[in-house]
């Protein structure tokens, strides 16, 4: 029994340690480096024709989405690079790629550090906050809707990942687009939120790829990934 207790304790420490490392991840840049309020236009007014039309699109999706689409949207609520596993292959495994994993933890943290302050400025209500008819299938959020953080980080991850593995660029970027679109499928964002997220993600990725501190960690992560994938 003592042997099994020691094993369980060791596994617990491993899990806790992994969670702590993810929480300790530091963003590469913040909104002081990329101020989205100076790049994106403000969102359309709540009573505008555009917002009303977009609510209609969200409601149409709500009655046409399939259980399979809902399941994908729910799974894509996770903001991590491992959602690309279905296009990267079986060797795309967190346990086998610790440096790559830590690198992308920082990429994810960067999205929040840049996007969240902009959301707080614009405070666009989510679709379900404007209409009781909207029934999201993903976790509800009361943060600003403009731009979509998921679309931003999905685009960032797609650009950076496809830069590491250009052989799979088409598949990776198609998966990034689906990741972003699933925020509409899930009923938690308007289409324009997603479009602004794609723009935001592209801008942030371009800035990161030109920073020496980013490129130093990028090169290490890329080498580990390509070796792990047998490339």
Protein backbone atom coordinates (compact mmCIF):
# COMPACT_ATOMS: atom_id res chain seq x y z
CA UNK A 1 0.00 0.00 0.00
CA UNK A 2 2.86 2.37 0.81
CA UNK A 3 4.26 1.79 -2.66
CA UNK A 4 0.96 2.76 -4.29
CA UNK A 5 0.57 5.76 -1.99
CA UNK A 6 4.03 6.99 -2.99
CA UNK A 7 3.19 6.52 -6.65
CA UNK A 8 -0.08 8.44 -6.28
CA UNK A 9 1.70 11.24 -4.46
CA UNK A 10 4.28 11.45 -7.22
CA UNK A 11 1.60 11.65 -9.90
CA UNK A 12 -0.21 14.35 -7.93
CA UNK A 13 2.98 16.41 -7.70
CA UNK A 14 3.48 16.01 -11.45
CA UNK A 15 -0.03 17.24 -12.21
CA UNK A 16 0.21 20.14 -9.76
CA UNK A 17 3.63 21.04 -11.11
CA UNK A 18 2.35 21.11 -14.70
CA UNK A 19 -0.58 23.33 -13.72
CA UNK A 20 1.74 25.67 -11.85
CA UNK A 21 4.03 25.98 -14.86
CA UNK A 22 1.09 26.94 -17.08
CA UNK A 23 -0.09 29.50 -14.53
CA UNK A 24 3.44 30.92 -14.27
CA UNK A 25 3.67 31.51 -18.02
CA UNK A 26 4.43 35.14 -18.79
CA UNK A 27 3.14 36.95 -21.88
CA UNK A 28 5.71 37.96 -24.46
CA UNK A 29 4.04 41.37 -24.87
CA UNK A 30 1.05 43.30 -23.44
CA UNK A 31 -1.35 45.98 -24.61
CA UNK A 32 1.43 48.50 -24.04
CA UNK A 33 3.19 46.93 -27.03
CA UNK A 34 0.08 46.37 -29.17
CA UNK A 35 -2.85 48.64 -28.39
CA UNK A 36 -5.84 47.18 -30.23
CA UNK A 37 -7.94 50.26 -29.49
CA UNK A 38 -5.63 52.13 -31.88
CA UNK A 39 -5.86 49.43 -34.56
CA UNK A 40 -9.44 48.12 -34.63
CA UNK A 41 -12.57 50.17 -35.21
CA UNK A 42 -15.07 50.37 -32.35
CA UNK A 43 -17.86 47.76 -32.37
CA UNK A 44 -21.24 48.57 -33.92
CA UNK A 45 -23.82 50.00 -31.54
CA UNK A 46 -26.13 47.58 -29.75
CA UNK A 47 -29.18 48.96 -31.59
CA UNK A 48 -27.46 49.21 -34.98
CA UNK A 49 -28.66 47.42 -38.09
CA UNK A 50 -25.40 45.46 -38.15
CA UNK A 51 -25.78 44.13 -34.60
CA UNK A 52 -29.40 43.18 -35.27
CA UNK A 53 -28.36 41.37 -38.45
CA UNK A 54 -25.58 39.56 -36.60
CA UNK A 55 -27.95 38.48 -33.87
CA UNK A 56 -30.03 36.98 -36.65
CA UNK A 57 -26.98 35.07 -37.87
CA UNK A 58 -26.30 33.74 -34.38
CA UNK A 59 -29.92 32.62 -34.01
CA UNK A 60 -29.86 30.97 -37.44
CA UNK A 61 -26.75 29.06 -36.43
CA UNK A 62 -28.50 28.06 -33.20
CA UNK A 63 -31.27 26.24 -35.08
CA UNK A 64 -29.05 24.75 -37.80
CA UNK A 65 -26.01 23.54 -35.85
CA UNK A 66 -25.73 19.79 -35.43
CA UNK A 67 -24.81 17.89 -32.25
CA UNK A 68 -21.42 17.22 -33.83
CA UNK A 69 -20.88 20.95 -34.43
CA UNK A 70 -21.88 21.71 -30.86
CA UNK A 71 -19.44 19.10 -29.54
CA UNK A 72 -16.59 20.65 -31.57
CA UNK A 73 -17.48 24.13 -30.32
CA UNK A 74 -17.53 22.95 -26.71
CA UNK A 75 -14.16 21.22 -27.11
CA UNK A 76 -12.68 24.30 -28.79
CA UNK A 77 -13.57 26.41 -25.76
CA UNK A 78 -10.15 25.28 -24.50
CA UNK A 79 -7.50 27.85 -25.36
CA UNK A 80 -4.45 25.70 -26.04
CA UNK A 81 -2.40 24.57 -29.00
CA UNK A 82 -3.30 20.92 -28.45
CA UNK A 83 -6.64 21.58 -30.16
CA UNK A 84 -4.58 21.32 -33.37
CA UNK A 85 -3.74 17.68 -32.64
CA UNK A 86 -6.28 16.44 -35.18
CA UNK A 87 -4.24 17.97 -38.02
CA UNK A 88 -0.77 17.54 -36.51
CA UNK A 89 -0.82 13.78 -36.03
CA UNK A 90 -0.39 11.33 -33.12
CA UNK A 91 3.09 12.53 -32.14
CA UNK A 92 1.75 16.00 -31.35
CA UNK A 93 1.69 15.21 -27.65
CA UNK A 94 2.08 17.56 -24.68
CA UNK A 95 4.00 15.03 -22.60
CA UNK A 96 6.59 14.56 -25.36
CA UNK A 97 7.02 18.28 -26.15
CA UNK A 98 7.66 20.12 -22.85
CA UNK A 99 9.60 23.07 -24.30
CA UNK A 100 7.10 23.52 -27.10
CA UNK A 101 4.26 23.32 -24.56
CA UNK A 102 5.81 25.96 -22.28
CA UNK A 103 6.39 28.21 -25.29
CA UNK A 104 2.75 28.08 -26.37
CA UNK A 105 1.60 28.67 -22.79
CA UNK A 106 3.30 32.05 -23.16
CA UNK A 107 1.62 32.60 -26.54
CA UNK A 108 -1.79 32.02 -24.95
CA UNK A 109 -0.97 34.37 -22.07
CA UNK A 110 0.05 37.01 -24.61
CA UNK A 111 -3.43 36.99 -26.14
CA UNK A 112 -5.05 37.81 -22.82
CA UNK A 113 -2.51 40.50 -22.00
CA UNK A 114 -3.22 42.28 -25.29
CA UNK A 115 -6.92 41.59 -25.87
CA UNK A 116 -8.48 41.83 -22.40
CA UNK A 117 -7.71 45.54 -21.90
CA UNK A 118 -9.31 46.32 -25.27
CA UNK A 119 -12.39 44.29 -24.39
CA UNK A 120 -12.67 46.34 -21.19
CA UNK A 121 -12.62 49.58 -23.19
CA UNK A 122 -15.30 48.60 -25.69
CA UNK A 123 -17.47 46.39 -23.46
CA UNK A 124 -19.56 45.06 -26.32
CA UNK A 125 -22.31 42.82 -24.84
CA UNK A 126 -22.31 39.16 -25.86
CA UNK A 127 -25.21 37.93 -28.02
CA UNK A 128 -26.92 36.23 -25.07
CA UNK A 129 -26.71 39.50 -23.12
CA UNK A 130 -28.68 41.33 -25.80
CA UNK A 131 -31.24 38.65 -26.59
CA UNK A 132 -32.79 36.02 -24.33
CA UNK A 133 -33.38 33.94 -27.45
CA UNK A 134 -29.66 33.18 -27.72
CA UNK A 135 -28.77 29.95 -25.93
CA UNK A 136 -25.00 29.33 -26.01
CA UNK A 137 -23.79 25.75 -25.73
CA UNK A 138 -20.39 26.84 -24.39
CA UNK A 139 -19.52 28.37 -21.05
CA UNK A 140 -21.09 31.80 -20.60
CA UNK A 141 -18.87 34.85 -20.33
CA UNK A 142 -19.57 38.42 -19.28
CA UNK A 143 -16.33 39.87 -20.63
CA UNK A 144 -16.50 42.18 -23.63
CA UNK A 145 -17.30 40.50 -26.91
CA UNK A 146 -15.10 42.68 -29.20
CA UNK A 147 -12.76 41.23 -30.34
CA UNK A 148 -13.06 37.49 -29.78
CA UNK A 149 -10.16 36.31 -27.65
CA UNK A 150 -10.55 32.75 -28.91
CA UNK A 151 -10.41 33.88 -32.54
CA UNK A 152 -7.37 35.98 -31.68
CA UNK A 153 -5.44 33.20 -29.98
CA UNK A 154 -6.53 30.60 -32.54
CA UNK A 155 -5.18 32.79 -35.33
CA UNK A 156 -1.97 33.48 -33.39
CA UNK A 157 -1.42 29.78 -32.75
CA UNK A 158 -2.22 28.89 -36.35
CA UNK A 159 0.23 31.41 -37.80
CA UNK A 160 3.05 30.50 -35.42
CA UNK A 161 2.46 26.75 -35.69
CA UNK A 162 2.28 26.84 -39.50
CA UNK A 163 5.49 28.86 -39.52
CA UNK A 164 7.13 26.02 -37.61
CA UNK A 165 5.61 23.33 -39.84
CA UNK A 166 5.01 24.95 -43.27
CA UNK A 167 4.40 21.50 -44.74
CA UNK A 168 1.01 21.55 -42.97
CA UNK A 169 0.20 25.24 -43.38
CA UNK A 170 -3.08 24.72 -45.25
CA UNK A 171 -4.43 22.23 -42.73
CA UNK A 172 -3.26 24.26 -39.73
CA UNK A 173 -4.79 27.51 -40.95
CA UNK A 174 -8.05 25.75 -41.85
CA UNK A 175 -8.16 24.38 -38.29
CA UNK A 176 -7.44 27.86 -36.89
CA UNK A 177 -10.37 29.22 -38.91
CA UNK A 178 -12.65 26.49 -37.56
CA UNK A 179 -11.47 27.20 -34.01
CA UNK A 180 -12.46 30.84 -34.48
CA UNK A 181 -15.78 30.05 -36.21
CA UNK A 182 -16.76 27.74 -33.39
CA UNK A 183 -17.32 30.80 -31.20
CA UNK A 184 -20.25 31.64 -33.49
CA UNK A 185 -21.37 28.00 -33.52
CA UNK A 186 -21.25 28.03 -29.72
CA UNK A 187 -23.48 31.11 -29.64
CA UNK A 188 -21.06 33.22 -27.60
CA UNK A 189 -19.81 35.67 -30.27
CA UNK A 190 -21.01 37.69 -33.24
CA UNK A 191 -19.37 37.09 -36.65
CA UNK A 192 -17.72 40.53 -36.54
CA UNK A 193 -16.13 39.69 -33.15
CA UNK A 194 -14.49 36.73 -34.83
CA UNK A 195 -13.31 38.77 -37.79
CA UNK A 196 -11.77 41.34 -35.46
CA UNK A 197 -10.14 38.48 -33.56
CA UNK A 198 -8.53 37.19 -36.75
CA UNK A 199 -7.15 40.65 -37.46
CA UNK A 200 -5.91 40.99 -33.88
CA UNK A 201 -4.26 37.58 -33.95
CA UNK A 202 -2.53 38.35 -37.23
CA UNK A 203 -1.19 41.67 -35.93
CA UNK A 204 0.05 40.18 -32.65
CA UNK A 205 1.70 37.23 -34.40
CA UNK A 206 3.49 39.57 -36.81
CA UNK A 207 4.82 41.63 -33.90
CA UNK A 208 5.97 38.54 -32.00
CA UNK A 209 7.78 37.02 -34.97
CA UNK A 210 9.94 40.13 -35.21
CA UNK A 211 11.04 40.17 -31.55
CA UNK A 212 14.41 38.70 -30.59
CA UNK A 213 13.22 37.41 -27.19
CA UNK A 214 10.31 35.61 -28.87
CA UNK A 215 12.47 34.17 -31.64
CA UNK A 216 14.94 32.69 -29.16
CA UNK A 217 12.21 30.58 -27.51
CA UNK A 218 10.52 29.98 -30.85
CA UNK A 219 13.66 28.36 -32.29
CA UNK A 220 13.93 25.95 -29.34
CA UNK A 221 10.23 25.05 -29.50
CA UNK A 222 10.34 24.59 -33.26
CA UNK A 223 13.35 22.28 -33.08
CA UNK A 224 11.69 20.12 -30.43
CA UNK A 225 8.42 19.98 -32.37
CA UNK A 226 9.97 19.04 -35.70
CA UNK A 227 12.13 16.41 -34.04
CA UNK A 228 9.10 15.01 -32.21
CA UNK A 229 7.12 14.86 -35.46
CA UNK A 230 10.01 13.17 -37.24
CA UNK A 231 10.54 16.08 -39.62
